[in-house]
Amino acid sequence: MNDSETQIEELKKRILAFAQERDWEQFHSPKNLSMAISAEAAELMEHFLWQSAESSRHDVMENPLREKITEEIADILIFAFEFANVAEIDIASAITEKMKKNAQKYPINKAKGTSAKYTEL
């Protein structure tokens, strides 16, 4: 499987089936899943602690770090997809709507090349 050949719905179904086969749905409340996402995100961040931005850009392409961060991002996404399953959130629709809102908050003519928050533009 790869990004260009896989649909979001297929991934959601595979993740749900994995949890159901193990009877893990009982543990997958929105509270627990949100905490799991946060914990996995912290594990991802740990790999970059004390690195410069430039170093982190280089290191993500090199093993053994690349292998480790690939697993961490997979963990984050698995929990996020399972959260979407539990909360009955259509991921593609949610992303589309959020990107529309972001485009309004961060118009190109004001936001291009700056990291300022939309309230500061």
C-alpha atoms as a PDB file:
ATOM      1  CA  MET A   1       0.000   0.000   0.000  1.00  0.00           C
ATOM      2  CA  ASN A   2       1.101   3.566  -0.614  1.00  0.00           C
ATOM      3  CA  ASP A   3      -0.460   7.036  -0.518  1.00  0.00           C
ATOM      4  CA  SER A   4      -1.222   7.244  -4.222  1.00  0.00           C
ATOM      5  CA  GLU A   5      -3.098   3.923  -4.248  1.00  0.00           C
ATOM      6  CA  THR A   6      -4.910   3.992  -0.898  1.00  0.00           C
ATOM      7  CA  GLN A   7      -8.175   5.643   0.092  1.00  0.00           C
ATOM      8  CA  ILE A   8      -8.760   7.070   3.541  1.00  0.00           C
ATOM      9  CA  GLU A   9     -11.863   4.929   4.031  1.00  0.00           C
ATOM     10  CA  GLU A  10      -9.826   1.785   3.399  1.00  0.00           C
ATOM     11  CA  LEU A  11      -7.337   2.763   6.109  1.00  0.00           C
ATOM     12  CA  LYS A  12     -10.128   3.600   8.552  1.00  0.00           C
ATOM     13  CA  LYS A  13     -11.695   0.175   7.957  1.00  0.00           C
ATOM     14  CA  ARG A  14      -8.388  -1.661   8.419  1.00  0.00           C
ATOM     15  CA  ILE A  15      -7.667   0.206  11.655  1.00  0.00           C
ATOM     16  CA  LEU A  16     -11.176  -0.462  12.965  1.00  0.00           C
ATOM     17  CA  ALA A  17     -10.930  -4.156  12.068  1.00  0.00           C
ATOM     18  CA  PHE A  18      -7.566  -4.397  13.854  1.00  0.00           C
ATOM     19  CA  ALA A  19      -9.086  -2.933  17.038  1.00  0.00           C
ATOM     20  CA  GLN A  20     -12.223  -5.094  16.771  1.00  0.00           C
ATOM     21  CA  GLU A  21     -10.229  -8.306  16.326  1.00  0.00           C
ATOM     22  CA  ARG A  22      -8.462  -7.558  19.620  1.00  0.00           C
ATOM     23  CA  ASP A  23     -11.566  -6.323  21.445  1.00  0.00           C
ATOM     24  CA  TRP A  24      -9.892  -2.948  21.962  1.00  0.00           C
ATOM     25  CA  GLU A  25     -12.901  -0.818  21.112  1.00  0.00           C
ATOM     26  CA  GLN A  26     -13.790  -0.869  24.808  1.00  0.00           C
ATOM     27  CA  PHE A  27     -10.627   1.181  25.459  1.00  0.00           C
ATOM     28  CA  HIS A  28     -10.983   3.522  22.486  1.00  0.00           C
ATOM     29  CA  SER A  29     -12.987   6.363  23.970  1.00  0.00           C
ATOM     30  CA  PRO A  30     -12.435   9.857  22.584  1.00  0.00           C
ATOM     31  CA  LYS A  31     -10.661  10.724  25.850  1.00  0.00           C
ATOM     32  CA  ASN A  32      -8.258   7.787  25.631  1.00  0.00           C
ATOM     33  CA  LEU A  33      -7.609   8.208  21.928  1.00  0.00           C
ATOM     34  CA  SER A  34      -6.905  11.941  22.290  1.00  0.00           C
ATOM     35  CA  MET A  35      -4.404  11.121  25.036  1.00  0.00           C
ATOM     36  CA  ALA A  36      -2.797   8.420  22.893  1.00  0.00           C
ATOM     37  CA  ILE A  37      -2.397  10.898  20.015  1.00  0.00           C
ATOM     38  CA  SER A  38      -0.722  13.361  22.375  1.00  0.00           C
ATOM     39  CA  ALA A  39       1.574  10.708  23.843  1.00  0.00           C
ATOM     40  CA  GLU A  40       2.670   9.531  20.408  1.00  0.00           C
ATOM     41  CA  ALA A  41       3.213  13.133  19.263  1.00  0.00           C
ATOM     42  CA  ALA A  42       5.469  13.637  22.283  1.00  0.00           C
ATOM     43  CA  GLU A  43       7.440  10.534  21.293  1.00  0.00           C
ATOM     44  CA  LEU A  44       7.885  12.005  17.808  1.00  0.00           C
ATOM     45  CA  MET A  45       9.052  15.325  19.260  1.00  0.00           C
ATOM     46  CA  GLU A  46      11.533  13.571  21.526  1.00  0.00           C
ATOM     47  CA  HIS A  47      13.600  12.541  18.492  1.00  0.00           C
ATOM     48  CA  PHE A  48      14.186  16.213  17.652  1.00  0.00           C
ATOM     49  CA  LEU A  49      14.806  17.554  21.135  1.00  0.00           C
ATOM     50  CA  TRP A  50      17.778  19.940  21.139  1.00  0.00           C
ATOM     51  CA  GLN A  51      18.209  19.834  17.365  1.00  0.00           C
ATOM     52  CA  SER A  52      18.308  22.885  15.151  1.00  0.00           C
ATOM     53  CA  ALA A  53      15.636  23.271  12.487  1.00  0.00           C
ATOM     54  CA  GLU A  54      18.260  22.675   9.799  1.00  0.00           C
ATOM     55  CA  SER A  55      19.564  19.525  11.465  1.00  0.00           C
ATOM     56  CA  SER A  56      16.044  18.140  11.837  1.00  0.00           C
ATOM     57  CA  ARG A  57      15.384  18.659   8.113  1.00  0.00           C
ATOM     58  CA  HIS A  58      18.472  16.645   7.264  1.00  0.00           C
ATOM     59  CA  ASP A  59      18.046  13.938   9.879  1.00  0.00           C
ATOM     60  CA  VAL A  60      14.484  12.968   8.887  1.00  0.00           C
ATOM     61  CA  MET A  61      15.921  11.623   5.659  1.00  0.00           C
ATOM     62  CA  GLU A  62      18.610   9.478   7.324  1.00  0.00           C
ATOM     63  CA  ASN A  63      18.356   6.126   9.084  1.00  0.00           C
ATOM     64  CA  PRO A  64      18.071   5.114  11.861  1.00  0.00           C
ATOM     65  CA  LEU A  65      16.030   8.242  12.721  1.00  0.00           C
ATOM     66  CA  ARG A  66      13.860   7.989   9.620  1.00  0.00           C
ATOM     67  CA  GLU A  67      12.718   4.498  10.573  1.00  0.00           C
ATOM     68  CA  LYS A  68      11.883   5.610  14.119  1.00  0.00           C
ATOM     69  CA  ILE A  69       9.959   8.725  13.127  1.00  0.00           C
ATOM     70  CA  THR A  70       8.090   6.807  10.426  1.00  0.00           C
ATOM     71  CA  GLU A  71       6.799   4.482  13.145  1.00  0.00           C
ATOM     72  CA  GLU A  72       5.868   7.417  15.385  1.00  0.00           C
ATOM     73  CA  ILE A  73       3.916   9.215  12.663  1.00  0.00           C
ATOM     74  CA  ALA A  74       2.150   5.932  11.862  1.00  0.00           C
ATOM     75  CA  ASP A  75       1.163   5.579  15.531  1.00  0.00           C
ATOM     76  CA  ILE A  76      -0.184   9.154  15.576  1.00  0.00           C
ATOM     77  CA  LEU A  77      -2.199   8.619  12.409  1.00  0.00           C
ATOM     78  CA  ILE A  78      -3.548   5.238  13.508  1.00  0.00           C
ATOM     79  CA  PHE A  79      -4.888   6.776  16.708  1.00  0.00           C
ATOM     80  CA  ALA A  80      -6.218   9.804  14.806  1.00  0.00           C
ATOM     81  CA  PHE A  81      -8.015   7.554  12.311  1.00  0.00           C
ATOM     82  CA  GLU A  82      -9.448   5.466  15.130  1.00  0.00           C
ATOM     83  CA  PHE A  83     -10.597   8.682  16.825  1.00  0.00           C
ATOM     84  CA  ALA A  84     -12.346   9.592  13.564  1.00  0.00           C
ATOM     85  CA  ASN A  85     -13.954   6.142  13.538  1.00  0.00           C
ATOM     86  CA  VAL A  86     -15.227   6.490  17.106  1.00  0.00           C
ATOM     87  CA  ALA A  87     -16.426  10.074  16.620  1.00  0.00           C
ATOM     88  CA  GLU A  88     -17.843   9.339  13.147  1.00  0.00           C
ATOM     89  CA  ILE A  89     -15.745  12.082  11.544  1.00  0.00           C
ATOM     90  CA  ASP A  90     -15.247  12.060   7.793  1.00  0.00           C
ATOM     91  CA  ILE A  91     -11.546  12.879   7.563  1.00  0.00           C
ATOM     92  CA  ALA A  92     -11.529  14.164   3.977  1.00  0.00           C
ATOM     93  CA  SER A  93     -14.464  16.489   4.679  1.00  0.00           C
ATOM     94  CA  ALA A  94     -12.905  17.689   7.933  1.00  0.00           C
ATOM     95  CA  ILE A  95      -9.601  18.495   6.224  1.00  0.00           C
ATOM     96  CA  THR A  96     -11.333  20.205   3.304  1.00  0.00           C
ATOM     97  CA  GLU A  97     -13.397  22.419   5.612  1.00  0.00           C
ATOM     98  CA  LYS A  98     -10.417  23.230   7.837  1.00  0.00           C
ATOM     99  CA  MET A  99      -8.300  24.192   4.827  1.00  0.00           C
ATOM    100  CA  LYS A 100     -11.069  26.566   3.683  1.00  0.00           C
ATOM    101  CA  LYS A 101     -11.087  28.205   7.120  1.00  0.00           C
ATOM    102  CA  ASN A 102      -7.290  28.384   7.141  1.00  0.00           C
ATOM    103  CA  ALA A 103      -7.309  30.048   3.717  1.00  0.00           C
ATOM    104  CA  GLN A 104      -9.609  32.741   5.090  1.00  0.00           C
ATOM    105  CA  LYS A 105      -7.555  33.216   8.250  1.00  0.00           C
ATOM    106  CA  TYR A 106      -4.254  33.178   6.359  1.00  0.00           C
ATOM    107  CA  PRO A 107      -4.721  34.926   2.998  1.00  0.00           C
ATOM    108  CA  ILE A 108      -1.675  34.548   0.772  1.00  0.00           C
ATOM    109  CA  ASN A 109      -1.080  38.287   0.462  1.00  0.00           C
ATOM    110  CA  LYS A 110      -0.774  38.591   4.267  1.00  0.00           C
ATOM    111  CA  ALA A 111       0.582  35.221   5.355  1.00  0.00           C
ATOM    112  CA  LYS A 112       3.152  34.388   2.684  1.00  0.00           C
ATOM    113  CA  GLY A 113       6.605  34.025   4.178  1.00  0.00           C
ATOM    114  CA  THR A 114       5.590  34.741   7.777  1.00  0.00           C
ATOM    115  CA  SER A 115       4.897  32.467  10.722  1.00  0.00           C
ATOM    116  CA  ALA A 116       2.719  35.045  12.451  1.00  0.00           C
ATOM    117  CA  LYS A 117      -0.598  33.878  13.867  1.00  0.00           C
ATOM    118  CA  TYR A 118      -3.666  35.027  11.912  1.00  0.00           C
ATOM    119  CA  THR A 119      -4.559  37.487  14.680  1.00  0.00           C
ATOM    120  CA  GLU A 120      -1.204  39.203  14.086  1.00  0.00           C
ATOM    121  CA  LEU A 121      -1.389  39.535  10.299  1.00  0.00           C
END
